Amino acid sequence: MTHLRWIGCCLLLPLLAACGKPESVPVHAVPVLVEHPAGNGGVAVGAYPGEVRAREETALSFRVGGKLLRREVDAGQRVSKGQLLAELDVADYNLQARAAQAQFAAAEADLVRARDEHKRYQTLASQQLVSQSALDAQTAALKAAQGQADAARANFDVARNQSGYAQLHAPEGGMIASREAEAGQVVAAGQTIYTMAADGAREVAIALPESAIRDFSVGQAVEVELWNQEGKRLSGSIREIAAAADPQARTYAARVSLAADALDTVELGQSARVFIAHGKQG
């Protein structure tokens, strides 16, 4: 019986060893940037992903705050210079303008009265019926009334301008790239309502690695390939490189200008790859 027990234990040992063997953890591939040597000593071509952007991107906002009454355009629409884009509720601004107008009218009335009093005292002083000090007091009162009238006029002009600032117009022709507010929302002065991409030059925004930043320079020739037009290369050049690296990604933001003949080929927001030869010639 003991002999049979030993045989059973020997048969179970391989099974227990197999059950206790840890499973291998699959290793996921890590995406890396691959640079292909170009044949010249030390020169490599790097491909950097980017996005087509407008050279001039303007954040549009109201100069005053208030409740957004309506929006006239949406993202993706083309707009012309001077076109109405959005409007604030002007009820409060109209009331302020009316109050400023009333204050201005009162100040004007005080100025007319002070002017008449000054003329009367001038006549009396010429006849030596009042003292010179009395005339000086009326002169000072006239100047004070004139200052009050000027201040009231300025306040009235500001209040009237604020009513005009409640309308947001396109500063130039272009396309609405994004919308940042909804009708009914209370917005602050300077808060972005739309981002507009102006007509004209198009660029590709890319990020350059910190480790090789000295290999890139403004004006350097590059080639751009759109993701939806694989194999077709567009000529371009580096227009600008950020002075400091991004603190999180440790890359330098750069803009690549496209040639004029490529404007009809690209659209805003398209994905692209920028091919740049860098390194030192051997």
Protein backbone atom coordinates (compact mmCIF):
# COMPACT_ATOMS: atom_id res chain seq x y z
CA MET A 1 0.00 0.00 0.00
CA THR A 2 2.86 2.36 0.85
CA HIS A 3 4.39 1.65 -2.54
CA LEU A 4 1.18 2.69 -4.29
CA ARG A 5 1.05 5.95 -2.33
CA TRP A 6 4.57 6.87 -3.46
CA ILE A 7 3.65 6.20 -7.08
CA GLY A 8 0.55 8.47 -6.75
CA CYS A 9 2.60 11.31 -5.27
CA CYS A 10 5.13 11.05 -8.10
CA LEU A 11 2.34 11.34 -10.67
CA LEU A 12 0.78 14.39 -8.97
CA LEU A 13 4.00 16.39 -8.68
CA PRO A 14 4.24 17.31 -12.44
CA LEU A 15 0.58 18.35 -12.44
CA LEU A 16 1.03 20.61 -9.43
CA ALA A 17 4.15 22.15 -10.96
CA ALA A 18 2.26 22.88 -14.18
CA CYS A 19 -0.62 24.50 -12.28
CA GLY A 20 1.72 26.75 -10.33
CA LYS A 21 3.55 28.09 -13.39
CA PRO A 22 2.73 31.83 -13.78
CA GLU A 23 1.14 32.93 -17.04
CA SER A 24 3.23 35.12 -19.30
CA VAL A 25 1.99 38.74 -19.48
CA PRO A 26 1.61 39.99 -23.07
CA VAL A 27 3.82 42.97 -23.86
CA HIS A 28 2.06 45.74 -25.73
CA ALA A 29 3.85 47.51 -28.51
CA VAL A 30 4.89 51.07 -27.71
CA PRO A 31 4.49 53.57 -30.58
CA VAL A 32 7.72 55.30 -31.44
CA LEU A 33 8.89 57.80 -34.04
CA VAL A 34 10.93 56.02 -36.69
CA GLU A 35 13.59 57.92 -38.57
CA HIS A 36 14.90 56.53 -41.81
CA PRO A 37 18.49 57.25 -42.85
CA ALA A 38 18.67 59.06 -46.18
CA GLY A 39 22.01 57.68 -47.26
CA ASN A 40 24.11 60.74 -46.42
CA GLY A 41 26.16 60.43 -43.28
CA GLY A 42 24.11 61.28 -40.22
CA VAL A 43 21.09 62.67 -42.13
CA ALA A 44 17.68 61.21 -41.23
CA VAL A 45 14.11 61.98 -42.27
CA GLY A 46 11.57 62.25 -39.50
CA ALA A 47 7.78 62.15 -39.93
CA TYR A 48 5.85 64.38 -37.54
CA PRO A 49 2.05 64.28 -37.24
CA GLY A 50 0.22 67.58 -37.44
CA GLU A 51 -3.04 69.35 -38.19
CA VAL A 52 -3.88 71.90 -40.86
CA ARG A 53 -4.63 75.29 -39.29
CA ALA A 54 -5.16 78.84 -40.50
CA ARG A 55 -2.23 81.20 -40.08
CA GLU A 56 -4.53 83.78 -38.48
CA GLU A 57 -6.91 82.38 -35.87
CA THR A 58 -8.90 85.01 -33.98
CA ALA A 59 -10.81 84.51 -30.73
CA LEU A 60 -13.96 86.61 -31.09
CA SER A 61 -15.59 88.04 -27.96
CA PHE A 62 -17.85 90.85 -26.78
CA ARG A 63 -16.33 93.98 -25.28
CA VAL A 64 -19.07 93.94 -22.63
CA GLY A 65 -20.73 91.18 -20.62
CA GLY A 66 -24.35 90.09 -20.61
CA LYS A 67 -26.84 87.41 -21.55
CA LEU A 68 -26.31 85.92 -25.01
CA LEU A 69 -29.60 86.59 -26.76
CA ARG A 70 -28.94 84.82 -30.06
CA ARG A 71 -26.22 83.36 -32.27
CA GLU A 72 -26.48 83.89 -35.99
CA VAL A 73 -23.80 81.44 -37.18
CA ASP A 74 -22.42 78.05 -36.18
CA ALA A 75 -19.10 76.23 -36.47
CA GLY A 76 -18.09 75.42 -40.03
CA GLN A 77 -19.93 78.36 -41.62
CA ARG A 78 -18.20 80.92 -43.80
CA VAL A 79 -18.69 84.57 -42.84
CA SER A 80 -17.94 87.87 -44.53
CA LYS A 81 -16.46 91.03 -43.06
CA GLY A 82 -18.96 92.91 -40.93
CA GLN A 83 -21.48 90.05 -40.74
CA LEU A 84 -23.48 89.84 -37.50
CA LEU A 85 -22.40 86.76 -35.54
CA ALA A 86 -24.11 87.06 -32.14
CA GLU A 87 -26.00 89.54 -30.00
CA LEU A 88 -26.41 90.24 -26.29
CA ASP A 89 -29.54 91.36 -24.48
CA VAL A 90 -29.29 95.19 -24.57
CA ALA A 91 -32.19 96.02 -22.22
CA ASP A 92 -29.92 96.99 -19.32
CA TYR A 93 -27.54 98.89 -21.57
CA ASN A 94 -30.43 100.86 -23.05
CA LEU A 95 -31.54 101.84 -19.56
CA GLN A 96 -28.01 102.92 -18.68
CA ALA A 97 -27.84 104.97 -21.85
CA ARG A 98 -31.12 106.70 -21.04
CA ALA A 99 -29.93 107.49 -17.51
CA ALA A 100 -26.66 108.89 -18.86
CA GLN A 101 -28.59 110.96 -21.40
CA ALA A 102 -30.74 112.46 -18.63
CA GLN A 103 -27.65 113.33 -16.58
CA PHE A 104 -26.10 114.95 -19.63
CA ALA A 105 -29.25 117.04 -20.24
CA ALA A 106 -29.22 118.21 -16.60
CA ALA A 107 -25.54 119.13 -16.83
CA GLU A 108 -26.18 121.08 -20.04
CA ALA A 109 -28.98 123.02 -18.31
CA ASP A 110 -26.66 123.86 -15.41
CA LEU A 111 -24.03 125.03 -17.90
CA VAL A 112 -26.49 127.37 -19.64
CA ARG A 113 -27.53 128.86 -16.30
CA ALA A 114 -23.91 129.30 -15.21
CA ARG A 115 -23.06 130.95 -18.52
CA ASP A 116 -25.95 133.43 -18.19
CA GLU A 117 -24.98 134.23 -14.61
CA HIS A 118 -21.41 134.86 -15.66
CA LYS A 119 -22.49 137.27 -18.40
CA ARG A 120 -24.71 139.12 -15.95
CA TYR A 121 -21.90 139.49 -13.44
CA GLN A 122 -19.55 140.67 -16.17
CA THR A 123 -22.02 143.48 -16.99
CA LEU A 124 -22.40 144.41 -13.33
CA ALA A 125 -18.66 144.34 -12.79
CA SER A 126 -18.10 146.68 -15.75
CA GLN A 127 -20.49 149.10 -14.06
CA GLN A 128 -18.69 148.56 -10.75
CA LEU A 129 -21.91 147.30 -9.16
CA VAL A 130 -20.30 144.05 -7.95
CA SER A 131 -16.81 143.30 -6.71
CA GLN A 132 -14.13 141.57 -8.70
CA SER A 133 -14.20 138.65 -6.26
CA ALA A 134 -17.89 138.07 -7.02
CA LEU A 135 -17.08 137.96 -10.74
CA ASP A 136 -14.22 135.53 -10.07
CA ALA A 137 -16.60 133.25 -8.17
CA GLN A 138 -18.98 133.20 -11.13
CA THR A 139 -16.09 132.47 -13.49
CA ALA A 140 -15.09 129.49 -11.33
CA ALA A 141 -18.70 128.30 -11.24
CA LEU A 142 -18.87 128.49 -15.05
CA LYS A 143 -15.72 126.39 -15.41
CA ALA A 144 -17.09 123.82 -12.96
CA ALA A 145 -20.38 123.62 -14.87
CA GLN A 146 -18.45 123.19 -18.13
CA GLY A 147 -16.46 120.31 -16.60
CA GLN A 148 -19.62 118.63 -15.33
CA ALA A 149 -21.20 118.90 -18.77
CA ASP A 150 -18.11 117.42 -20.45
CA ALA A 151 -18.07 114.50 -17.99
CA ALA A 152 -21.78 113.85 -18.49
CA ARG A 153 -21.33 113.87 -22.26
CA ALA A 154 -18.45 111.36 -21.98
CA ASN A 155 -20.54 109.06 -19.76
CA PHE A 156 -23.40 109.28 -22.23
CA ASP A 157 -21.09 108.38 -25.12
CA VAL A 158 -19.72 105.37 -23.18
CA ALA A 159 -23.21 104.12 -22.33
CA ARG A 160 -24.30 104.53 -25.94
CA ASN A 161 -21.20 102.67 -27.17
CA GLN A 162 -21.90 99.78 -24.81
CA SER A 163 -25.20 99.20 -26.54
CA GLY A 164 -23.30 98.95 -29.81
CA TYR A 165 -20.77 96.58 -28.25
CA ALA A 166 -23.62 94.14 -27.57
CA GLN A 167 -23.40 93.05 -31.21
CA LEU A 168 -20.52 90.84 -32.37
CA HIS A 169 -19.47 91.28 -36.00
CA ALA A 170 -16.89 89.42 -38.07
CA PRO A 171 -13.70 91.52 -38.31
CA GLU A 172 -12.84 89.96 -41.68
CA GLY A 173 -13.86 87.15 -43.99
CA GLY A 174 -13.17 83.59 -42.94
CA MET A 175 -14.63 80.44 -41.43
CA ILE A 176 -15.97 79.82 -37.94
CA ALA A 177 -13.64 77.14 -36.58
CA SER A 178 -15.37 76.62 -33.23
CA ARG A 179 -18.25 77.91 -31.08
CA GLU A 180 -17.74 78.34 -27.35
CA ALA A 181 -21.11 79.68 -26.08
CA GLU A 182 -24.82 78.97 -26.35
CA ALA A 183 -27.85 81.27 -26.51
CA GLY A 184 -29.14 82.05 -23.02
CA GLN A 185 -25.69 81.80 -21.47
CA VAL A 186 -24.36 84.75 -19.46
CA VAL A 187 -20.93 85.65 -20.80
CA ALA A 188 -18.26 87.96 -19.49
CA ALA A 189 -16.46 90.70 -21.36
CA GLY A 190 -13.61 89.15 -23.33
CA GLN A 191 -14.95 85.58 -23.07
CA THR A 192 -14.45 83.71 -26.35
CA ILE A 193 -17.68 83.17 -28.27
CA TYR A 194 -16.23 81.99 -31.59
CA THR A 195 -12.82 81.13 -32.96
CA MET A 196 -12.51 82.30 -36.55
CA ALA A 197 -9.98 81.08 -39.09
CA ALA A 198 -9.24 83.91 -41.48
CA ASP A 199 -9.05 83.36 -45.21
CA GLY A 200 -5.59 83.14 -46.71
CA ALA A 201 -2.51 81.15 -45.77
CA ARG A 202 -2.76 77.65 -44.30
CA GLU A 203 -0.22 75.97 -42.05
CA VAL A 204 0.43 72.66 -40.35
CA ALA A 205 0.88 72.72 -36.57
CA ILE A 206 3.42 70.14 -35.38
CA ALA A 207 5.55 69.38 -32.32
CA LEU A 208 9.32 68.95 -32.62
CA PRO A 209 11.26 66.74 -30.19
CA GLU A 210 13.37 68.44 -27.57
CA SER A 211 16.26 66.04 -28.15
CA ALA A 212 16.79 67.20 -31.76
CA ILE A 213 15.58 70.80 -31.62
CA ARG A 214 18.96 72.17 -32.74
CA ASP A 215 18.57 70.30 -36.03
CA PHE A 216 15.57 72.42 -37.05
CA SER A 217 15.52 76.05 -38.14
CA VAL A 218 13.06 78.63 -39.42
CA GLY A 219 12.91 78.56 -43.21
CA GLN A 220 13.95 74.90 -43.42
CA ALA A 221 12.32 73.11 -46.37
CA VAL A 222 9.91 70.27 -45.58
CA GLU A 223 7.39 68.03 -47.32
CA VAL A 224 3.79 67.60 -46.20
CA GLU A 225 1.61 64.57 -46.87
CA LEU A 226 -2.11 64.60 -46.07
CA TRP A 227 -3.50 61.43 -44.49
CA ASN A 228 -6.24 61.21 -47.13
CA GLN A 229 -3.77 61.73 -49.99
CA GLU A 230 -1.06 59.23 -49.20
CA GLY A 231 1.93 59.44 -51.51
CA LYS A 232 1.27 63.02 -52.62
CA ARG A 233 3.84 65.40 -51.14
CA LEU A 234 3.27 69.16 -50.80
CA SER A 235 6.18 71.54 -50.42
CA GLY A 236 6.48 73.82 -47.44
CA SER A 237 8.86 75.36 -44.93
CA ILE A 238 9.11 75.88 -41.18
CA ARG A 239 7.72 79.36 -40.43
CA GLU A 240 8.17 79.49 -36.67
CA ILE A 241 9.43 77.45 -33.73
CA ALA A 242 8.37 78.14 -30.16
CA ALA A 243 11.01 79.69 -27.94
CA ALA A 244 10.30 77.29 -25.05
CA ALA A 245 9.34 73.63 -24.83
CA ASP A 246 5.96 72.48 -23.59
CA PRO A 247 6.43 71.67 -19.88
CA GLN A 248 4.36 68.47 -20.12
CA ALA A 249 5.21 66.97 -23.51
CA ARG A 250 8.77 68.39 -23.68
CA THR A 251 8.28 69.28 -27.35
CA TYR A 252 8.52 72.55 -29.23
CA ALA A 253 5.42 73.80 -31.04
CA ALA A 254 6.16 74.71 -34.65
CA ARG A 255 4.23 75.95 -37.67
CA VAL A 256 4.89 74.80 -41.23
CA SER A 257 3.80 77.12 -44.04
CA LEU A 258 2.38 75.53 -47.15
CA ALA A 259 3.11 76.78 -50.64
CA ALA A 260 0.50 78.99 -52.31
CA ASP A 261 -0.43 76.28 -54.81
CA ALA A 262 -1.48 73.98 -51.94
CA LEU A 263 -4.28 76.20 -50.63
CA ASP A 264 -6.88 74.52 -52.85
CA THR A 265 -5.73 71.07 -51.71
CA VAL A 266 -5.98 71.33 -47.93
CA GLU A 267 -8.91 71.91 -45.60
CA LEU A 268 -8.92 73.15 -42.03
CA GLY A 269 -8.53 70.40 -39.44
CA GLN A 270 -7.08 67.81 -41.82
CA SER A 271 -4.46 65.44 -40.43
CA ALA A 272 -1.06 65.49 -42.07
CA ARG A 273 2.49 64.24 -41.73
CA VAL A 274 5.44 66.56 -42.10
CA PHE A 275 8.67 65.01 -43.36
CA ILE A 276 11.80 66.84 -42.25
CA ALA A 277 15.39 65.89 -42.99
CA HIS A 278 17.62 66.63 -40.01
CA GLY A 279 20.97 65.65 -38.65
CA LYS A 280 24.47 66.58 -39.71
CA GLN A 281 26.00 65.94 -43.07
CA GLY A 282 29.04 63.67 -42.80
